[in-house]
């Protein structure tokens, strides 16, 4: 089937297309950032302010956190809004809204936006509580007045990367597993992705994920589209680093795939920084965890390694079609084992 065929009913708008809003989720689970939580409310307040310069920002806030969030975000006592920032009172377990928020899809036949509500179980049951997060996607859709469609598939938003035209990059470790989708074959999963998202081509990246990543290898740490014809891939240039071989395998696989595409996709290396540990645990730092704000701005995580941070920013600037590429210090955020893309959810303008 032609991946751009008009007979395909649904389409996931690409992240470089016009956006209505960026969703965040107020950080309140202190176990996510042990020993570093105190810096996170200030980080989120600054991040929301930065985002609001370009787009509306909608922040999920549990009822028990509302007073603190209002104070930090400078929202008046009698309001849930300040400028382009809106607080949305919804119970959550954790802050990783990319993974439990809805996947927004445009239904071509019905000419409307929908939200796909996947099952969510905290990355295969790695953590004890996820019920509130699993209910958040439906709450988001209700808040903005669109229908949500519940899927039986367990899938996190960070586990899929699309080009807006039917291609999807993912990893089997995040989908074809008993901890997430017991009894599902890769063929059944592919069919559900086609039904819900209009996906017509899937690239299963099999090299492996980053050391320290608790998601089993989310694609938004490994490979991202900047447009339908350019993909950046996390690589490790240090042959002694345990990340070197798995990431090189991903890079080679994507090169081979890209060589058969028409028009041909270009694959670009995006080296990760040198290994860094917090409390004797390596943190999974990748510049692929950037956040696109349409075609105007791109926020890339910085990890306090100047040469590597600058190289990543320069590479992305060359490929970003004139967008302003800015860095945000994510050294504390990444101790939660994610960065800017993991902690946000883009809502397309449709």
C-alpha atoms as a PDB file:
ATOM      1  CA  UNK A   1       0.000   0.000   0.000  1.00  0.00           C
ATOM      2  CA  UNK A   2       1.228   3.507  -0.818  1.00  0.00           C
ATOM      3  CA  UNK A   3       1.982   5.083   2.568  1.00  0.00           C
ATOM      4  CA  UNK A   4       0.547   8.395   1.321  1.00  0.00           C
ATOM      5  CA  UNK A   5      -2.597   6.836  -0.117  1.00  0.00           C
ATOM      6  CA  UNK A   6      -5.745   8.936   0.374  1.00  0.00           C
ATOM      7  CA  UNK A   7      -7.572   5.702   1.267  1.00  0.00           C
ATOM      8  CA  UNK A   8      -5.771   5.701   4.631  1.00  0.00           C
ATOM      9  CA  UNK A   9      -8.263   7.301   7.000  1.00  0.00           C
ATOM     10  CA  UNK A  10      -6.036   8.535   9.828  1.00  0.00           C
ATOM     11  CA  UNK A  11      -2.791  10.477  10.034  1.00  0.00           C
ATOM     12  CA  UNK A  12      -0.547  11.516  12.907  1.00  0.00           C
ATOM     13  CA  UNK A  13       0.485  15.144  12.291  1.00  0.00           C
ATOM     14  CA  UNK A  14       4.249  15.545  12.442  1.00  0.00           C
ATOM     15  CA  UNK A  15       5.760  17.529  15.281  1.00  0.00           C
ATOM     16  CA  UNK A  16       7.030  20.210  12.890  1.00  0.00           C
ATOM     17  CA  UNK A  17       3.496  20.974  11.743  1.00  0.00           C
ATOM     18  CA  UNK A  18       1.515  23.836  13.351  1.00  0.00           C
ATOM     19  CA  UNK A  19       0.730  23.230  17.014  1.00  0.00           C
ATOM     20  CA  UNK A  20      -2.174  24.275  19.203  1.00  0.00           C
ATOM     21  CA  UNK A  21      -0.463  23.653  22.530  1.00  0.00           C
ATOM     22  CA  UNK A  22       2.216  21.794  24.449  1.00  0.00           C
ATOM     23  CA  UNK A  23       1.084  19.682  27.402  1.00  0.00           C
ATOM     24  CA  UNK A  24       3.229  19.272  30.495  1.00  0.00           C
ATOM     25  CA  UNK A  25       2.537  17.470  33.761  1.00  0.00           C
ATOM     26  CA  UNK A  26       3.471  19.072  37.063  1.00  0.00           C
ATOM     27  CA  UNK A  27       6.303  17.139  38.802  1.00  0.00           C
ATOM     28  CA  UNK A  28       5.228  15.861  42.204  1.00  0.00           C
ATOM     29  CA  UNK A  29       6.550  12.310  42.552  1.00  0.00           C
ATOM     30  CA  UNK A  30       9.689  12.781  44.629  1.00  0.00           C
ATOM     31  CA  UNK A  31      10.748   9.183  43.999  1.00  0.00           C
ATOM     32  CA  UNK A  32      11.265  10.041  40.331  1.00  0.00           C
ATOM     33  CA  UNK A  33      14.160  12.375  41.175  1.00  0.00           C
ATOM     34  CA  UNK A  34      15.584  11.059  44.477  1.00  0.00           C
ATOM     35  CA  UNK A  35      17.771  13.723  46.036  1.00  0.00           C
ATOM     36  CA  UNK A  36      17.127  16.208  43.203  1.00  0.00           C
ATOM     37  CA  UNK A  37      13.398  16.863  43.371  1.00  0.00           C
ATOM     38  CA  UNK A  38      13.727  20.344  44.929  1.00  0.00           C
ATOM     39  CA  UNK A  39      15.016  21.796  41.644  1.00  0.00           C
ATOM     40  CA  UNK A  40      12.197  20.391  39.491  1.00  0.00           C
ATOM     41  CA  UNK A  41       9.325  22.805  40.278  1.00  0.00           C
ATOM     42  CA  UNK A  42      11.555  25.746  39.368  1.00  0.00           C
ATOM     43  CA  UNK A  43      12.661  23.958  36.190  1.00  0.00           C
ATOM     44  CA  UNK A  44       9.077  23.333  35.119  1.00  0.00           C
ATOM     45  CA  UNK A  45       8.088  26.934  35.842  1.00  0.00           C
ATOM     46  CA  UNK A  46      10.949  28.204  33.683  1.00  0.00           C
ATOM     47  CA  UNK A  47      10.168  25.662  30.971  1.00  0.00           C
ATOM     48  CA  UNK A  48       6.502  26.626  30.846  1.00  0.00           C
ATOM     49  CA  UNK A  49       7.512  30.283  30.553  1.00  0.00           C
ATOM     50  CA  UNK A  50       9.889  29.469  27.696  1.00  0.00           C
ATOM     51  CA  UNK A  51       7.252  27.463  25.840  1.00  0.00           C
ATOM     52  CA  UNK A  52       4.580  30.112  26.306  1.00  0.00           C
ATOM     53  CA  UNK A  53       6.645  32.505  24.189  1.00  0.00           C
ATOM     54  CA  UNK A  54       5.631  30.367  21.180  1.00  0.00           C
ATOM     55  CA  UNK A  55       2.490  28.428  22.003  1.00  0.00           C
ATOM     56  CA  UNK A  56      -0.220  27.716  24.537  1.00  0.00           C
ATOM     57  CA  UNK A  57       0.931  25.585  27.462  1.00  0.00           C
ATOM     58  CA  UNK A  58      -1.427  23.246  29.308  1.00  0.00           C
ATOM     59  CA  UNK A  59      -0.160  21.832  32.586  1.00  0.00           C
ATOM     60  CA  UNK A  60      -1.743  18.801  34.250  1.00  0.00           C
ATOM     61  CA  UNK A  61      -1.830  19.428  38.000  1.00  0.00           C
ATOM     62  CA  UNK A  62      -3.145  17.013  40.658  1.00  0.00           C
ATOM     63  CA  UNK A  63      -5.616  18.639  43.080  1.00  0.00           C
ATOM     64  CA  UNK A  64      -3.206  18.311  46.021  1.00  0.00           C
ATOM     65  CA  UNK A  65      -0.499  20.139  44.058  1.00  0.00           C
ATOM     66  CA  UNK A  66      -2.636  23.000  42.780  1.00  0.00           C
ATOM     67  CA  UNK A  67      -1.673  25.581  45.428  1.00  0.00           C
ATOM     68  CA  UNK A  68       2.051  24.923  44.969  1.00  0.00           C
ATOM     69  CA  UNK A  69       1.789  24.934  41.181  1.00  0.00           C
ATOM     70  CA  UNK A  70      -0.133  28.210  41.174  1.00  0.00           C
ATOM     71  CA  UNK A  71       2.527  29.815  43.367  1.00  0.00           C
ATOM     72  CA  UNK A  72       5.435  28.559  41.281  1.00  0.00           C
ATOM     73  CA  UNK A  73       3.736  29.395  37.981  1.00  0.00           C
ATOM     74  CA  UNK A  74       2.464  32.761  39.240  1.00  0.00           C
ATOM     75  CA  UNK A  75      -1.163  31.966  38.530  1.00  0.00           C
ATOM     76  CA  UNK A  76      -3.709  33.981  40.540  1.00  0.00           C
ATOM     77  CA  UNK A  77      -5.665  32.308  43.318  1.00  0.00           C
ATOM     78  CA  UNK A  78      -9.007  32.786  41.560  1.00  0.00           C
ATOM     79  CA  UNK A  79      -7.873  31.545  38.166  1.00  0.00           C
ATOM     80  CA  UNK A  80      -6.389  28.553  36.371  1.00  0.00           C
ATOM     81  CA  UNK A  81      -4.878  30.718  33.632  1.00  0.00           C
ATOM     82  CA  UNK A  82      -2.069  33.198  33.184  1.00  0.00           C
ATOM     83  CA  UNK A  83      -1.501  34.431  29.671  1.00  0.00           C
ATOM     84  CA  UNK A  84      -0.921  31.406  27.447  1.00  0.00           C
ATOM     85  CA  UNK A  85      -0.550  29.045  30.410  1.00  0.00           C
ATOM     86  CA  UNK A  86      -3.533  26.986  31.592  1.00  0.00           C
ATOM     87  CA  UNK A  87      -3.605  24.659  34.578  1.00  0.00           C
ATOM     88  CA  UNK A  88      -5.745  21.554  34.063  1.00  0.00           C
ATOM     89  CA  UNK A  89      -6.656  19.797  37.301  1.00  0.00           C
ATOM     90  CA  UNK A  90      -6.145  16.071  36.686  1.00  0.00           C
ATOM     91  CA  UNK A  91      -4.779  13.408  39.001  1.00  0.00           C
ATOM     92  CA  UNK A  92      -1.446  11.890  37.864  1.00  0.00           C
ATOM     93  CA  UNK A  93       1.121   9.460  39.217  1.00  0.00           C
ATOM     94  CA  UNK A  94       4.150  10.922  37.458  1.00  0.00           C
ATOM     95  CA  UNK A  95       5.290  13.630  35.055  1.00  0.00           C
ATOM     96  CA  UNK A  96       5.977  11.723  31.815  1.00  0.00           C
ATOM     97  CA  UNK A  97       2.967  12.929  29.846  1.00  0.00           C
ATOM     98  CA  UNK A  98       4.523  11.931  26.517  1.00  0.00           C
ATOM     99  CA  UNK A  99       4.038   8.317  27.479  1.00  0.00           C
ATOM    100  CA  UNK A 100       0.537   8.361  28.946  1.00  0.00           C
ATOM    101  CA  UNK A 101      -1.006  11.297  27.082  1.00  0.00           C
ATOM    102  CA  UNK A 102      -3.125  10.745  23.962  1.00  0.00           C
ATOM    103  CA  UNK A 103      -1.662  10.335  20.498  1.00  0.00           C
ATOM    104  CA  UNK A 104      -3.452  12.981  18.474  1.00  0.00           C
ATOM    105  CA  UNK A 105      -4.594  11.813  15.046  1.00  0.00           C
ATOM    106  CA  UNK A 106      -6.406  13.581  12.247  1.00  0.00           C
ATOM    107  CA  UNK A 107      -9.278  11.612  10.730  1.00  0.00           C
ATOM    108  CA  UNK A 108      -9.372  12.599   7.064  1.00  0.00           C
ATOM    109  CA  UNK A 109     -12.782  11.116   6.295  1.00  0.00           C
ATOM    110  CA  UNK A 110     -14.479  12.734   9.284  1.00  0.00           C
ATOM    111  CA  UNK A 111     -12.357  15.917   9.151  1.00  0.00           C
ATOM    112  CA  UNK A 112     -11.668  16.023  12.862  1.00  0.00           C
ATOM    113  CA  UNK A 113      -8.996  15.505  15.495  1.00  0.00           C
ATOM    114  CA  UNK A 114      -9.127  12.429  17.746  1.00  0.00           C
ATOM    115  CA  UNK A 115      -7.030  11.212  20.650  1.00  0.00           C
ATOM    116  CA  UNK A 116      -5.874   7.595  20.758  1.00  0.00           C
ATOM    117  CA  UNK A 117      -5.879   6.429  24.370  1.00  0.00           C
ATOM    118  CA  UNK A 118      -3.429   3.512  24.649  1.00  0.00           C
ATOM    119  CA  UNK A 119      -3.206   1.232  27.643  1.00  0.00           C
ATOM    120  CA  UNK A 120      -0.430   2.356  29.970  1.00  0.00           C
ATOM    121  CA  UNK A 121       1.248   0.322  32.720  1.00  0.00           C
ATOM    122  CA  UNK A 122       4.396   2.259  33.735  1.00  0.00           C
ATOM    123  CA  UNK A 123       6.768   0.729  31.166  1.00  0.00           C
ATOM    124  CA  UNK A 124       5.810  -2.872  31.666  1.00  0.00           C
ATOM    125  CA  UNK A 125       4.928  -2.615  35.354  1.00  0.00           C
ATOM    126  CA  UNK A 126       8.301  -1.280  36.517  1.00  0.00           C
ATOM    127  CA  UNK A 127       6.671   1.004  39.066  1.00  0.00           C
ATOM    128  CA  UNK A 128       3.835   0.288  41.466  1.00  0.00           C
ATOM    129  CA  UNK A 129       1.275   2.975  40.604  1.00  0.00           C
ATOM    130  CA  UNK A 130       0.026   4.022  37.186  1.00  0.00           C
ATOM    131  CA  UNK A 131      -3.781   4.038  37.360  1.00  0.00           C
ATOM    132  CA  UNK A 132      -4.086   7.838  37.342  1.00  0.00           C
ATOM    133  CA  UNK A 133      -1.647   8.176  34.454  1.00  0.00           C
ATOM    134  CA  UNK A 134      -3.576   5.556  32.488  1.00  0.00           C
ATOM    135  CA  UNK A 135      -6.736   7.665  32.863  1.00  0.00           C
ATOM    136  CA  UNK A 136      -5.087  10.981  31.911  1.00  0.00           C
ATOM    137  CA  UNK A 137      -5.366  10.653  28.115  1.00  0.00           C
ATOM    138  CA  UNK A 138      -9.162  10.476  28.248  1.00  0.00           C
ATOM    139  CA  UNK A 139      -9.211  13.451  30.629  1.00  0.00           C
ATOM    140  CA  UNK A 140      -7.062  15.495  28.238  1.00  0.00           C
ATOM    141  CA  UNK A 141      -9.351  14.709  25.314  1.00  0.00           C
ATOM    142  CA  UNK A 142     -12.439  15.594  27.348  1.00  0.00           C
ATOM    143  CA  UNK A 143     -10.884  18.893  28.387  1.00  0.00           C
ATOM    144  CA  UNK A 144     -10.253  20.017  24.814  1.00  0.00           C
ATOM    145  CA  UNK A 145     -13.537  18.633  23.513  1.00  0.00           C
ATOM    146  CA  UNK A 146     -12.421  15.816  21.225  1.00  0.00           C
ATOM    147  CA  UNK A 147     -13.315  12.127  21.222  1.00  0.00           C
ATOM    148  CA  UNK A 148     -10.858   9.627  22.639  1.00  0.00           C
ATOM    149  CA  UNK A 149     -10.521   6.130  21.217  1.00  0.00           C
ATOM    150  CA  UNK A 150      -9.364   3.480  23.682  1.00  0.00           C
ATOM    151  CA  UNK A 151      -6.987   0.899  22.246  1.00  0.00           C
ATOM    152  CA  UNK A 152      -6.271  -2.509  23.750  1.00  0.00           C
ATOM    153  CA  UNK A 153      -2.598  -2.056  22.839  1.00  0.00           C
ATOM    154  CA  UNK A 154      -0.165  -1.014  25.583  1.00  0.00           C
ATOM    155  CA  UNK A 155       2.011   1.693  24.060  1.00  0.00           C
ATOM    156  CA  UNK A 156       3.897   4.718  25.353  1.00  0.00           C
ATOM    157  CA  UNK A 157       4.156   7.887  23.308  1.00  0.00           C
ATOM    158  CA  UNK A 158       7.944   7.922  23.569  1.00  0.00           C
ATOM    159  CA  UNK A 159       8.041   4.497  21.898  1.00  0.00           C
ATOM    160  CA  UNK A 160       6.928   5.810  18.505  1.00  0.00           C
ATOM    161  CA  UNK A 161       8.317   8.363  16.085  1.00  0.00           C
ATOM    162  CA  UNK A 162       6.376   9.338  12.967  1.00  0.00           C
ATOM    163  CA  UNK A 163       7.020  11.448   9.878  1.00  0.00           C
ATOM    164  CA  UNK A 164       3.439  12.634   9.378  1.00  0.00           C
ATOM    165  CA  UNK A 165       3.160  10.595   6.189  1.00  0.00           C
ATOM    166  CA  UNK A 166       2.662   7.040   7.405  1.00  0.00           C
ATOM    167  CA  UNK A 167       6.152   6.003   8.505  1.00  0.00           C
ATOM    168  CA  UNK A 168       6.804   4.964  12.069  1.00  0.00           C
ATOM    169  CA  UNK A 169      10.043   4.140  13.876  1.00  0.00           C
ATOM    170  CA  UNK A 170       9.886   2.012  17.021  1.00  0.00           C
ATOM    171  CA  UNK A 171      11.621  -0.806  18.888  1.00  0.00           C
ATOM    172  CA  UNK A 172      10.286  -4.330  19.513  1.00  0.00           C
ATOM    173  CA  UNK A 173      11.426  -4.256  23.155  1.00  0.00           C
ATOM    174  CA  UNK A 174       8.779  -1.595  23.884  1.00  0.00           C
ATOM    175  CA  UNK A 175       5.897  -3.348  22.145  1.00  0.00           C
ATOM    176  CA  UNK A 176       6.362  -7.061  21.454  1.00  0.00           C
ATOM    177  CA  UNK A 177       6.796  -8.070  25.088  1.00  0.00           C
ATOM    178  CA  UNK A 178       4.801 -10.021  27.646  1.00  0.00           C
ATOM    179  CA  UNK A 179       5.042  -7.181  30.154  1.00  0.00           C
ATOM    180  CA  UNK A 180       3.142  -4.858  27.830  1.00  0.00           C
ATOM    181  CA  UNK A 181       1.301  -6.873  25.189  1.00  0.00           C
ATOM    182  CA  UNK A 182       1.123 -10.527  26.172  1.00  0.00           C
ATOM    183  CA  UNK A 183      -0.199 -12.647  23.305  1.00  0.00           C
ATOM    184  CA  UNK A 184       0.221  -9.957  20.642  1.00  0.00           C
ATOM    185  CA  UNK A 185       2.356 -10.785  17.604  1.00  0.00           C
ATOM    186  CA  UNK A 186       4.304  -8.109  15.755  1.00  0.00           C
ATOM    187  CA  UNK A 187       1.829  -8.511  12.882  1.00  0.00           C
ATOM    188  CA  UNK A 188      -1.146  -7.872  15.177  1.00  0.00           C
ATOM    189  CA  UNK A 189       0.600  -4.841  16.642  1.00  0.00           C
ATOM    190  CA  UNK A 190       1.318  -3.499  13.165  1.00  0.00           C
ATOM    191  CA  UNK A 191      -2.339  -3.875  12.226  1.00  0.00           C
ATOM    192  CA  UNK A 192      -3.465  -1.980  15.334  1.00  0.00           C
ATOM    193  CA  UNK A 193      -0.981   0.804  14.551  1.00  0.00           C
ATOM    194  CA  UNK A 194      -2.379   0.985  11.041  1.00  0.00           C
ATOM    195  CA  UNK A 195      -5.956   1.073  12.308  1.00  0.00           C
ATOM    196  CA  UNK A 196      -5.401   3.709  14.972  1.00  0.00           C
ATOM    197  CA  UNK A 197      -2.710   5.860  13.353  1.00  0.00           C
ATOM    198  CA  UNK A 198      -2.849   5.173   9.629  1.00  0.00           C
ATOM    199  CA  UNK A 199       0.686   3.762   9.758  1.00  0.00           C
ATOM    200  CA  UNK A 200       1.683   2.026   6.525  1.00  0.00           C
ATOM    201  CA  UNK A 201       5.410   1.454   7.102  1.00  0.00           C
ATOM    202  CA  UNK A 202       7.122   0.421  10.345  1.00  0.00           C
ATOM    203  CA  UNK A 203      10.858   0.326  10.976  1.00  0.00           C
ATOM    204  CA  UNK A 204      11.616  -1.913  13.968  1.00  0.00           C
ATOM    205  CA  UNK A 205      14.969  -0.688  15.295  1.00  0.00           C
ATOM    206  CA  UNK A 206      16.713  -3.654  16.888  1.00  0.00           C
ATOM    207  CA  UNK A 207      20.202  -2.502  17.954  1.00  0.00           C
ATOM    208  CA  UNK A 208      19.317  -1.627  21.530  1.00  0.00           C
ATOM    209  CA  UNK A 209      18.688   1.274  23.879  1.00  0.00           C
ATOM    210  CA  UNK A 210      20.760   3.422  26.207  1.00  0.00           C
ATOM    211  CA  UNK A 211      22.351   2.171  29.395  1.00  0.00           C
ATOM    212  CA  UNK A 212      20.245   3.438  32.305  1.00  0.00           C
ATOM    213  CA  UNK A 213      17.024   3.851  30.314  1.00  0.00           C
ATOM    214  CA  UNK A 214      14.118   2.226  32.181  1.00  0.00           C
ATOM    215  CA  UNK A 215      11.786   2.275  29.161  1.00  0.00           C
ATOM    216  CA  UNK A 216      13.457  -0.715  27.428  1.00  0.00           C
ATOM    217  CA  UNK A 217      14.555   1.505  24.558  1.00  0.00           C
ATOM    218  CA  UNK A 218      12.180   4.322  23.648  1.00  0.00           C
ATOM    219  CA  UNK A 219      12.724   5.536  20.125  1.00  0.00           C
ATOM    220  CA  UNK A 220      12.697   9.201  21.152  1.00  0.00           C
ATOM    221  CA  UNK A 221      16.069   8.561  22.787  1.00  0.00           C
ATOM    222  CA  UNK A 222      17.430   6.810  19.702  1.00  0.00           C
ATOM    223  CA  UNK A 223      16.166   8.256  16.399  1.00  0.00           C
ATOM    224  CA  UNK A 224      13.989  11.200  15.398  1.00  0.00           C
ATOM    225  CA  UNK A 225      12.625  12.678  12.192  1.00  0.00           C
ATOM    226  CA  UNK A 226      13.364  16.346  11.519  1.00  0.00           C
ATOM    227  CA  UNK A 227      11.305  16.129   8.345  1.00  0.00           C
ATOM    228  CA  UNK A 228      10.228  13.217   6.116  1.00  0.00           C
ATOM    229  CA  UNK A 229      13.661  13.043   4.501  1.00  0.00           C
ATOM    230  CA  UNK A 230      16.036  13.580   7.453  1.00  0.00           C
ATOM    231  CA  UNK A 231      16.537  11.411  10.542  1.00  0.00           C
ATOM    232  CA  UNK A 232      19.005  11.995  13.368  1.00  0.00           C
ATOM    233  CA  UNK A 233      20.297   8.941  15.213  1.00  0.00           C
ATOM    234  CA  UNK A 234      21.948   8.752  18.621  1.00  0.00           C
ATOM    235  CA  UNK A 235      25.451   7.320  18.354  1.00  0.00           C
ATOM    236  CA  UNK A 236      28.371   6.924  20.736  1.00  0.00           C
ATOM    237  CA  UNK A 237      31.825   7.722  19.364  1.00  0.00           C
ATOM    238  CA  UNK A 238      33.680   6.161  22.314  1.00  0.00           C
ATOM    239  CA  UNK A 239      34.355   2.495  21.396  1.00  0.00           C
ATOM    240  CA  UNK A 240      34.897   1.654  25.092  1.00  0.00           C
ATOM    241  CA  UNK A 241      31.446   2.885  26.092  1.00  0.00           C
ATOM    242  CA  UNK A 242      28.846   0.076  26.416  1.00  0.00           C
ATOM    243  CA  UNK A 243      26.468   2.242  24.381  1.00  0.00           C
ATOM    244  CA  UNK A 244      28.805   2.223  21.374  1.00  0.00           C
ATOM    245  CA  UNK A 245      27.922  -1.088  19.724  1.00  0.00           C
ATOM    246  CA  UNK A 246      24.116  -0.994  20.216  1.00  0.00           C
ATOM    247  CA  UNK A 247      23.852   2.554  18.884  1.00  0.00           C
ATOM    248  CA  UNK A 248      26.128   1.794  15.935  1.00  0.00           C
ATOM    249  CA  UNK A 249      23.881  -1.150  15.110  1.00  0.00           C
ATOM    250  CA  UNK A 250      20.879   1.182  15.097  1.00  0.00           C
ATOM    251  CA  UNK A 251      22.728   3.608  12.856  1.00  0.00           C
ATOM    252  CA  UNK A 252      23.724   0.908  10.356  1.00  0.00           C
ATOM    253  CA  UNK A 253      20.189  -0.484  10.282  1.00  0.00           C
ATOM    254  CA  UNK A 254      18.710   2.930   9.556  1.00  0.00           C
ATOM    255  CA  UNK A 255      21.295   3.581   6.859  1.00  0.00           C
ATOM    256  CA  UNK A 256      20.364   0.336   5.112  1.00  0.00           C
ATOM    257  CA  UNK A 257      16.666   1.119   5.389  1.00  0.00           C
ATOM    258  CA  UNK A 258      17.140   4.679   4.176  1.00  0.00           C
ATOM    259  CA  UNK A 259      19.081   3.554   1.116  1.00  0.00           C
ATOM    260  CA  UNK A 260      15.897   1.874  -0.168  1.00  0.00           C
ATOM    261  CA  UNK A 261      13.558   4.823   0.438  1.00  0.00           C
ATOM    262  CA  UNK A 262      12.238   7.075  -2.312  1.00  0.00           C
ATOM    263  CA  UNK A 263      12.830   9.953  -2.004  1.00  0.00           C
ATOM    264  CA  UNK A 264      15.873   8.817  -0.091  1.00  0.00           C
ATOM    265  CA  UNK A 265      15.939   9.564   3.620  1.00  0.00           C
ATOM    266  CA  UNK A 266      19.216  10.959   4.914  1.00  0.00           C
ATOM    267  CA  UNK A 267      20.507   9.594   8.220  1.00  0.00           C
ATOM    268  CA  UNK A 268      22.635  11.878  10.418  1.00  0.00           C
ATOM    269  CA  UNK A 269      24.759  10.985  13.427  1.00  0.00           C
ATOM    270  CA  UNK A 270      23.958  12.766  16.699  1.00  0.00           C
ATOM    271  CA  UNK A 271      26.611  11.726  19.259  1.00  0.00           C
ATOM    272  CA  UNK A 272      25.584  11.370  22.896  1.00  0.00           C
ATOM    273  CA  UNK A 273      27.722  13.015  25.616  1.00  0.00           C
ATOM    274  CA  UNK A 274      30.273  11.110  27.670  1.00  0.00           C
ATOM    275  CA  UNK A 275      28.979   8.841  30.402  1.00  0.00           C
ATOM    276  CA  UNK A 276      27.716  10.582  33.541  1.00  0.00           C
ATOM    277  CA  UNK A 277      26.495   9.020  36.775  1.00  0.00           C
ATOM    278  CA  UNK A 278      24.308  10.224  39.596  1.00  0.00           C
ATOM    279  CA  UNK A 279      24.485   8.221  42.819  1.00  0.00           C
ATOM    280  CA  UNK A 280      26.525   5.596  40.963  1.00  0.00           C
ATOM    281  CA  UNK A 281      23.812   5.140  38.341  1.00  0.00           C
ATOM    282  CA  UNK A 282      24.344   6.129  34.725  1.00  0.00           C
ATOM    283  CA  UNK A 283      21.797   8.584  33.363  1.00  0.00           C
ATOM    284  CA  UNK A 284      20.486   8.038  29.792  1.00  0.00           C
ATOM    285  CA  UNK A 285      21.479  11.298  28.125  1.00  0.00           C
ATOM    286  CA  UNK A 286      20.600  11.736  24.449  1.00  0.00           C
ATOM    287  CA  UNK A 287      20.203  14.826  22.308  1.00  0.00           C
ATOM    288  CA  UNK A 288      17.480  13.019  20.360  1.00  0.00           C
ATOM    289  CA  UNK A 289      15.201  13.938  23.260  1.00  0.00           C
ATOM    290  CA  UNK A 290      14.557  17.384  21.772  1.00  0.00           C
ATOM    291  CA  UNK A 291      11.204  19.137  21.532  1.00  0.00           C
ATOM    292  CA  UNK A 292      10.027  20.758  18.296  1.00  0.00           C
ATOM    293  CA  UNK A 293       7.725  23.770  18.427  1.00  0.00           C
ATOM    294  CA  UNK A 294       6.458  23.592  14.885  1.00  0.00           C
ATOM    295  CA  UNK A 295       8.951  24.994  12.390  1.00  0.00           C
ATOM    296  CA  UNK A 296       9.898  28.010  14.498  1.00  0.00           C
ATOM    297  CA  UNK A 297      11.818  26.674  17.490  1.00  0.00           C
ATOM    298  CA  UNK A 298      13.576  23.538  18.655  1.00  0.00           C
ATOM    299  CA  UNK A 299      14.551  22.969  22.280  1.00  0.00           C
ATOM    300  CA  UNK A 300      17.430  20.561  22.764  1.00  0.00           C
ATOM    301  CA  UNK A 301      18.536  19.196  26.145  1.00  0.00           C
ATOM    302  CA  UNK A 302      21.973  20.205  27.408  1.00  0.00           C
ATOM    303  CA  UNK A 303      23.866  18.026  29.857  1.00  0.00           C
ATOM    304  CA  UNK A 304      26.705  20.232  31.078  1.00  0.00           C
ATOM    305  CA  UNK A 305      29.303  18.935  28.608  1.00  0.00           C
ATOM    306  CA  UNK A 306      30.015  22.034  26.552  1.00  0.00           C
ATOM    307  CA  UNK A 307      31.688  20.493  23.516  1.00  0.00           C
ATOM    308  CA  UNK A 308      29.079  17.746  23.131  1.00  0.00           C
ATOM    309  CA  UNK A 309      26.191  20.155  23.817  1.00  0.00           C
ATOM    310  CA  UNK A 310      27.497  22.592  21.199  1.00  0.00           C
ATOM    311  CA  UNK A 311      28.044  19.852  18.616  1.00  0.00           C
ATOM    312  CA  UNK A 312      24.480  18.599  19.026  1.00  0.00           C
ATOM    313  CA  UNK A 313      23.041  22.086  18.789  1.00  0.00           C
ATOM    314  CA  UNK A 314      25.073  22.766  15.639  1.00  0.00           C
ATOM    315  CA  UNK A 315      23.968  19.531  13.964  1.00  0.00           C
ATOM    316  CA  UNK A 316      20.320  20.201  14.701  1.00  0.00           C
ATOM    317  CA  UNK A 317      20.637  23.832  13.604  1.00  0.00           C
ATOM    318  CA  UNK A 318      21.879  22.709  10.191  1.00  0.00           C
ATOM    319  CA  UNK A 319      18.853  20.449   9.743  1.00  0.00           C
ATOM    320  CA  UNK A 320      16.123  22.514  11.392  1.00  0.00           C
ATOM    321  CA  UNK A 321      14.978  24.494   8.333  1.00  0.00           C
ATOM    322  CA  UNK A 322      15.781  27.846   9.892  1.00  0.00           C
ATOM    323  CA  UNK A 323      14.171  27.158  13.261  1.00  0.00           C
ATOM    324  CA  UNK A 324      15.779  28.757  16.273  1.00  0.00           C
ATOM    325  CA  UNK A 325      17.597  25.984  18.153  1.00  0.00           C
ATOM    326  CA  UNK A 326      17.910  26.624  21.887  1.00  0.00           C
ATOM    327  CA  UNK A 327      19.355  24.530  24.695  1.00  0.00           C
ATOM    328  CA  UNK A 328      17.866  23.868  28.116  1.00  0.00           C
ATOM    329  CA  UNK A 329      19.929  22.542  31.007  1.00  0.00           C
ATOM    330  CA  UNK A 330      18.437  19.104  31.710  1.00  0.00           C
ATOM    331  CA  UNK A 331      21.043  17.716  34.099  1.00  0.00           C
ATOM    332  CA  UNK A 332      18.517  17.411  36.921  1.00  0.00           C
ATOM    333  CA  UNK A 333      15.507  16.515  34.769  1.00  0.00           C
ATOM    334  CA  UNK A 334      17.332  13.541  33.225  1.00  0.00           C
ATOM    335  CA  UNK A 335      17.828  12.013  36.667  1.00  0.00           C
ATOM    336  CA  UNK A 336      14.177  11.052  36.235  1.00  0.00           C
ATOM    337  CA  UNK A 337      15.476   9.041  33.228  1.00  0.00           C
ATOM    338  CA  UNK A 338      13.941  11.294  30.557  1.00  0.00           C
ATOM    339  CA  UNK A 339      14.281  14.742  29.049  1.00  0.00           C
ATOM    340  CA  UNK A 340      12.282  17.376  27.149  1.00  0.00           C
ATOM    341  CA  UNK A 341      10.443  15.164  24.669  1.00  0.00           C
ATOM    342  CA  UNK A 342       9.624  12.529  27.301  1.00  0.00           C
ATOM    343  CA  UNK A 343       8.074  15.130  29.589  1.00  0.00           C
ATOM    344  CA  UNK A 344       5.864  16.899  27.027  1.00  0.00           C
ATOM    345  CA  UNK A 345       3.035  16.147  24.584  1.00  0.00           C
ATOM    346  CA  UNK A 346       2.420  18.264  21.497  1.00  0.00           C
ATOM    347  CA  UNK A 347      -1.197  18.955  20.457  1.00  0.00           C
ATOM    348  CA  UNK A 348      -1.465  19.716  16.710  1.00  0.00           C
ATOM    349  CA  UNK A 349      -3.472  22.578  15.294  1.00  0.00           C
ATOM    350  CA  UNK A 350      -6.252  20.927  13.298  1.00  0.00           C
END
